[in-house]
């Protein structure tokens, strides 16, 4: 009934096949189609965007977050909600991912910079320990 109202069939989980392999099940449900616009950056960006920093995992338990961290948490929750919508209620084509893709890029870049700062702090600490010895 939902597929009839939306005008397209629903194939549960098709978006994840499309994101990670570049192949998806066509609307008829009988054959697999190769996505010509798929690149390796797509699964990398999605994976980096969905990874949360440990600092933010306890935000609902009363941890103190500043306004930028609250905004990032809201963007992250919006992205997860939209990906759940794409997983269970749509055909799962890559074009359906495009409305949320800019937000996913913002989250991925934020996580990359966080990871880079952790690595540089670790290297500085490691070098300091080496100089002491």
C-alpha atoms as a PDB file:
ATOM      1  CA  UNK A   1       0.000   0.000   0.000  1.00  0.00           C
ATOM      2  CA  UNK A   2       2.809   2.422   0.887  1.00  0.00           C
ATOM      3  CA  UNK A   3       4.600   1.625  -2.376  1.00  0.00           C
ATOM      4  CA  UNK A   4       1.418   2.357  -4.287  1.00  0.00           C
ATOM      5  CA  UNK A   5       0.999   5.754  -2.595  1.00  0.00           C
ATOM      6  CA  UNK A   6       4.609   6.744  -3.178  1.00  0.00           C
ATOM      7  CA  UNK A   7       4.587   5.490  -6.729  1.00  0.00           C
ATOM      8  CA  UNK A   8       7.683   3.326  -6.383  1.00  0.00           C
ATOM      9  CA  UNK A   9       8.350  -0.124  -4.990  1.00  0.00           C
ATOM     10  CA  UNK A  10      10.035  -0.564  -1.632  1.00  0.00           C
ATOM     11  CA  UNK A  11      13.164  -2.728  -1.526  1.00  0.00           C
ATOM     12  CA  UNK A  12      14.400  -2.903   2.063  1.00  0.00           C
ATOM     13  CA  UNK A  13      18.154  -2.377   2.443  1.00  0.00           C
ATOM     14  CA  UNK A  14      18.798  -1.651  -1.218  1.00  0.00           C
ATOM     15  CA  UNK A  15      20.461   1.668  -0.371  1.00  0.00           C
ATOM     16  CA  UNK A  16      23.214  -0.103   1.607  1.00  0.00           C
ATOM     17  CA  UNK A  17      24.041  -2.380  -1.329  1.00  0.00           C
ATOM     18  CA  UNK A  18      24.133   0.725  -3.484  1.00  0.00           C
ATOM     19  CA  UNK A  19      26.383   2.617  -1.056  1.00  0.00           C
ATOM     20  CA  UNK A  20      28.935  -0.122  -0.343  1.00  0.00           C
ATOM     21  CA  UNK A  21      29.047  -2.142  -3.580  1.00  0.00           C
ATOM     22  CA  UNK A  22      27.785   0.181  -6.301  1.00  0.00           C
ATOM     23  CA  UNK A  23      25.148  -2.353  -7.323  1.00  0.00           C
ATOM     24  CA  UNK A  24      21.447  -2.318  -6.559  1.00  0.00           C
ATOM     25  CA  UNK A  25      18.298  -4.266  -7.334  1.00  0.00           C
ATOM     26  CA  UNK A  26      16.239  -2.648 -10.064  1.00  0.00           C
ATOM     27  CA  UNK A  27      12.595  -1.636  -9.397  1.00  0.00           C
ATOM     28  CA  UNK A  28      11.277  -4.866 -10.888  1.00  0.00           C
ATOM     29  CA  UNK A  29      13.248  -6.838  -8.294  1.00  0.00           C
ATOM     30  CA  UNK A  30      14.594  -9.391 -10.762  1.00  0.00           C
ATOM     31  CA  UNK A  31      18.042  -8.136 -11.746  1.00  0.00           C
ATOM     32  CA  UNK A  32      21.013  -6.274 -10.339  1.00  0.00           C
ATOM     33  CA  UNK A  33      22.102  -2.997 -11.904  1.00  0.00           C
ATOM     34  CA  UNK A  34      25.576  -1.446 -11.675  1.00  0.00           C
ATOM     35  CA  UNK A  35      25.523   2.168 -10.527  1.00  0.00           C
ATOM     36  CA  UNK A  36      27.568   4.223 -13.007  1.00  0.00           C
ATOM     37  CA  UNK A  37      27.910   7.160 -10.604  1.00  0.00           C
ATOM     38  CA  UNK A  38      29.303   5.143  -7.688  1.00  0.00           C
ATOM     39  CA  UNK A  39      32.778   6.014  -6.387  1.00  0.00           C
ATOM     40  CA  UNK A  40      34.868   4.660  -3.535  1.00  0.00           C
ATOM     41  CA  UNK A  41      34.418   7.977  -1.700  1.00  0.00           C
ATOM     42  CA  UNK A  42      30.721   7.281  -1.142  1.00  0.00           C
ATOM     43  CA  UNK A  43      31.126   4.421   1.399  1.00  0.00           C
ATOM     44  CA  UNK A  44      34.093   6.183   3.014  1.00  0.00           C
ATOM     45  CA  UNK A  45      32.112   9.405   3.557  1.00  0.00           C
ATOM     46  CA  UNK A  46      29.047   7.550   4.841  1.00  0.00           C
ATOM     47  CA  UNK A  47      31.149   5.445   7.246  1.00  0.00           C
ATOM     48  CA  UNK A  48      33.062   8.455   8.560  1.00  0.00           C
ATOM     49  CA  UNK A  49      29.857  10.438   8.984  1.00  0.00           C
ATOM     50  CA  UNK A  50      28.136   7.726  10.998  1.00  0.00           C
ATOM     51  CA  UNK A  51      31.058   7.179  13.367  1.00  0.00           C
ATOM     52  CA  UNK A  52      30.547   9.197  16.521  1.00  0.00           C
ATOM     53  CA  UNK A  53      33.236  10.594  18.709  1.00  0.00           C
ATOM     54  CA  UNK A  54      33.419   9.005  22.153  1.00  0.00           C
ATOM     55  CA  UNK A  55      32.965  12.402  23.747  1.00  0.00           C
ATOM     56  CA  UNK A  56      29.452  12.678  22.307  1.00  0.00           C
ATOM     57  CA  UNK A  57      28.190   9.189  23.137  1.00  0.00           C
ATOM     58  CA  UNK A  58      26.860  10.193  26.540  1.00  0.00           C
ATOM     59  CA  UNK A  59      25.030  13.369  25.524  1.00  0.00           C
ATOM     60  CA  UNK A  60      21.644  12.098  26.753  1.00  0.00           C
ATOM     61  CA  UNK A  61      23.004  11.335  30.237  1.00  0.00           C
ATOM     62  CA  UNK A  62      23.558  14.965  31.079  1.00  0.00           C
ATOM     63  CA  UNK A  63      27.074  15.484  29.791  1.00  0.00           C
ATOM     64  CA  UNK A  64      27.975  19.094  29.139  1.00  0.00           C
ATOM     65  CA  UNK A  65      28.017  19.919  25.437  1.00  0.00           C
ATOM     66  CA  UNK A  66      28.572  23.333  23.940  1.00  0.00           C
ATOM     67  CA  UNK A  67      26.275  24.677  21.222  1.00  0.00           C
ATOM     68  CA  UNK A  68      28.402  23.455  18.311  1.00  0.00           C
ATOM     69  CA  UNK A  69      28.435  19.919  19.737  1.00  0.00           C
ATOM     70  CA  UNK A  70      24.655  20.021  20.192  1.00  0.00           C
ATOM     71  CA  UNK A  71      24.256  21.120  16.560  1.00  0.00           C
ATOM     72  CA  UNK A  72      26.531  18.312  15.436  1.00  0.00           C
ATOM     73  CA  UNK A  73      24.516  15.818  17.474  1.00  0.00           C
ATOM     74  CA  UNK A  74      21.270  17.037  15.902  1.00  0.00           C
ATOM     75  CA  UNK A  75      22.783  16.766  12.408  1.00  0.00           C
ATOM     76  CA  UNK A  76      23.992  13.256  13.225  1.00  0.00           C
ATOM     77  CA  UNK A  77      20.536  12.200  14.448  1.00  0.00           C
ATOM     78  CA  UNK A  78      18.911  13.710  11.350  1.00  0.00           C
ATOM     79  CA  UNK A  79      21.296  11.796   9.109  1.00  0.00           C
ATOM     80  CA  UNK A  80      20.595   8.516  10.909  1.00  0.00           C
ATOM     81  CA  UNK A  81      16.838   9.082  10.749  1.00  0.00           C
ATOM     82  CA  UNK A  82      17.008   9.808   7.016  1.00  0.00           C
ATOM     83  CA  UNK A  83      19.181   6.753   6.366  1.00  0.00           C
ATOM     84  CA  UNK A  84      16.686   4.596   8.287  1.00  0.00           C
ATOM     85  CA  UNK A  85      13.928   6.074   6.121  1.00  0.00           C
ATOM     86  CA  UNK A  86      15.924   5.195   2.997  1.00  0.00           C
ATOM     87  CA  UNK A  87      16.609   1.700   4.308  1.00  0.00           C
ATOM     88  CA  UNK A  88      13.038   0.669   5.070  1.00  0.00           C
ATOM     89  CA  UNK A  89      10.687   2.855   3.029  1.00  0.00           C
ATOM     90  CA  UNK A  90      12.263   3.542  -0.380  1.00  0.00           C
ATOM     91  CA  UNK A  91      13.694   1.824  -3.430  1.00  0.00           C
ATOM     92  CA  UNK A  92      17.212   2.787  -2.336  1.00  0.00           C
ATOM     93  CA  UNK A  93      18.671   4.604  -5.312  1.00  0.00           C
ATOM     94  CA  UNK A  94      21.695   6.859  -4.875  1.00  0.00           C
ATOM     95  CA  UNK A  95      19.735   9.940  -5.938  1.00  0.00           C
ATOM     96  CA  UNK A  96      17.598   9.556  -2.799  1.00  0.00           C
ATOM     97  CA  UNK A  97      20.751  10.018  -0.705  1.00  0.00           C
ATOM     98  CA  UNK A  98      21.568  13.405  -2.199  1.00  0.00           C
ATOM     99  CA  UNK A  99      19.360  15.615   0.074  1.00  0.00           C
ATOM    100  CA  UNK A 100      21.344  14.546   3.141  1.00  0.00           C
ATOM    101  CA  UNK A 101      24.740  14.135   1.461  1.00  0.00           C
ATOM    102  CA  UNK A 102      26.019  17.663   2.310  1.00  0.00           C
ATOM    103  CA  UNK A 103      25.314  17.005   5.995  1.00  0.00           C
ATOM    104  CA  UNK A 104      27.103  13.658   5.780  1.00  0.00           C
ATOM    105  CA  UNK A 105      30.141  15.396   4.278  1.00  0.00           C
ATOM    106  CA  UNK A 106      30.145  17.933   7.136  1.00  0.00           C
ATOM    107  CA  UNK A 107      30.030  15.124   9.711  1.00  0.00           C
ATOM    108  CA  UNK A 108      32.769  13.171   7.922  1.00  0.00           C
ATOM    109  CA  UNK A 109      35.072  16.203   7.751  1.00  0.00           C
ATOM    110  CA  UNK A 110      34.438  16.913  11.443  1.00  0.00           C
ATOM    111  CA  UNK A 111      35.351  13.336  12.334  1.00  0.00           C
ATOM    112  CA  UNK A 112      38.483  13.456  10.166  1.00  0.00           C
ATOM    113  CA  UNK A 113      39.683  16.638  11.871  1.00  0.00           C
ATOM    114  CA  UNK A 114      38.957  15.112  15.268  1.00  0.00           C
ATOM    115  CA  UNK A 115      40.888  11.984  14.339  1.00  0.00           C
ATOM    116  CA  UNK A 116      43.774  14.107  13.024  1.00  0.00           C
ATOM    117  CA  UNK A 117      43.943  16.095  16.267  1.00  0.00           C
ATOM    118  CA  UNK A 118      43.983  12.868  18.296  1.00  0.00           C
ATOM    119  CA  UNK A 119      46.815  11.472  16.176  1.00  0.00           C
ATOM    120  CA  UNK A 120      48.898  14.645  16.393  1.00  0.00           C
ATOM    121  CA  UNK A 121      48.417  14.825  20.171  1.00  0.00           C
ATOM    122  CA  UNK A 122      49.450  11.186  20.476  1.00  0.00           C
ATOM    123  CA  UNK A 123      52.529  11.753  18.304  1.00  0.00           C
ATOM    124  CA  UNK A 124      53.544  14.804  20.353  1.00  0.00           C
ATOM    125  CA  UNK A 125      53.192  12.810  23.568  1.00  0.00           C
ATOM    126  CA  UNK A 126      55.148   9.907  22.106  1.00  0.00           C
ATOM    127  CA  UNK A 127      57.945  12.232  20.916  1.00  0.00           C
ATOM    128  CA  UNK A 128      58.070  13.911  24.335  1.00  0.00           C
ATOM    129  CA  UNK A 129      58.486  10.506  25.996  1.00  0.00           C
ATOM    130  CA  UNK A 130      61.252   9.602  23.560  1.00  0.00           C
ATOM    131  CA  UNK A 131      63.120  12.840  24.271  1.00  0.00           C
ATOM    132  CA  UNK A 132      62.937  12.253  28.029  1.00  0.00           C
ATOM    133  CA  UNK A 133      64.521   8.815  27.755  1.00  0.00           C
END
